[in-house]
């Protein structure tokens, strides 16, 4: 589990071996993944498959993001 707070640089690219769920507890986050831009607000979440390169940028100092990595086999049903 990774917790992020405050402003983060968008140039820092991440890639996780396992799937990860990004949840915005407070503030606004812009996530770039697989050529798409996602704007997430408080209470929004984004599920990223393992191996997906992504960047995130927070919109202010009060932003808090929780990232939970999921290990092993994960099957998402009903998208």
Protein backbone atom coordinates (compact mmCIF):
# COMPACT_ATOMS: atom_id res chain seq x y z
CA UNK A 1 0.00 0.00 0.00
CA UNK A 2 1.29 3.44 -0.92
CA UNK A 3 -0.10 6.70 0.34
CA UNK A 4 0.62 9.97 -1.42
CA UNK A 5 -0.09 13.48 -0.23
CA UNK A 6 0.56 16.94 -1.62
CA UNK A 7 1.76 17.82 -5.09
CA UNK A 8 3.51 15.13 -7.13
CA UNK A 9 5.44 15.50 -10.36
CA UNK A 10 3.76 14.22 -13.54
CA UNK A 11 7.08 13.41 -15.22
CA UNK A 12 7.73 10.49 -12.83
CA UNK A 13 6.41 7.39 -14.56
CA UNK A 14 5.42 4.29 -12.60
CA UNK A 15 4.74 0.70 -13.51
CA UNK A 16 3.72 -2.03 -11.06
CA UNK A 17 4.01 -5.76 -11.63
CA UNK A 18 0.59 -6.45 -10.15
CA UNK A 19 -2.75 -4.67 -10.57
CA UNK A 20 -3.33 -1.59 -8.47
CA UNK A 21 -6.30 0.40 -7.28
CA UNK A 22 -5.82 4.15 -6.94
CA UNK A 23 -8.34 5.84 -4.62
CA UNK A 24 -8.58 9.61 -4.13
CA UNK A 25 -9.40 10.37 -0.49
CA UNK A 26 -9.17 14.17 -0.86
CA UNK A 27 -8.49 16.59 -3.69
CA UNK A 28 -8.09 16.05 -7.43
CA UNK A 29 -5.66 13.84 -9.38
CA UNK A 30 -4.86 13.64 -13.09
CA UNK A 31 -3.67 10.17 -14.17
CA UNK A 32 -2.17 9.43 -17.59
CA UNK A 33 -2.26 5.71 -18.49
CA UNK A 34 -2.20 3.89 -21.83
CA UNK A 35 -2.53 7.15 -23.78
CA UNK A 36 -5.65 8.26 -21.88
CA UNK A 37 -6.05 10.98 -19.29
CA UNK A 38 -8.28 10.34 -16.27
CA UNK A 39 -9.42 13.16 -13.97
CA UNK A 40 -10.24 11.77 -10.54
CA UNK A 41 -11.90 13.68 -7.71
CA UNK A 42 -12.55 12.89 -4.07
CA UNK A 43 -14.10 9.42 -3.77
CA UNK A 44 -13.11 8.33 -7.30
CA UNK A 45 -10.93 5.32 -8.01
CA UNK A 46 -9.06 3.83 -10.95
CA UNK A 47 -8.02 0.19 -11.40
CA UNK A 48 -4.82 -0.32 -13.40
CA UNK A 49 -3.73 -3.70 -14.70
CA UNK A 50 -0.24 -4.91 -13.88
CA UNK A 51 2.46 -3.61 -16.21
CA UNK A 52 0.60 -0.45 -17.24
CA UNK A 53 2.88 2.59 -17.35
CA UNK A 54 1.23 5.59 -15.72
CA UNK A 55 1.86 9.03 -14.25
CA UNK A 56 -0.17 10.98 -11.76
CA UNK A 57 -0.26 14.62 -10.83
CA UNK A 58 -2.15 16.06 -7.90
CA UNK A 59 -3.90 19.40 -8.22
CA UNK A 60 -3.06 20.79 -4.79
CA UNK A 61 -1.38 20.37 -1.42
CA UNK A 62 -4.49 18.92 0.26
CA UNK A 63 -4.71 15.93 -2.09
CA UNK A 64 -4.42 12.44 -0.60
CA UNK A 65 -4.18 9.32 -2.77
CA UNK A 66 -4.21 5.70 -1.60
CA UNK A 67 -2.75 3.05 -3.93
CA UNK A 68 -3.37 -0.61 -3.13
CA UNK A 69 -1.43 -3.24 -5.09
CA UNK A 70 -3.22 -6.53 -5.69
CA UNK A 71 -1.04 -9.64 -5.91
CA UNK A 72 -1.76 -12.98 -7.53
CA UNK A 73 -4.59 -13.69 -9.92
CA UNK A 74 -7.32 -11.05 -10.06
CA UNK A 75 -10.43 -11.39 -12.19
CA UNK A 76 -12.63 -8.33 -12.68
CA UNK A 77 -16.22 -9.22 -13.56
CA UNK A 78 -18.86 -6.98 -15.13
CA UNK A 79 -17.15 -3.78 -16.21
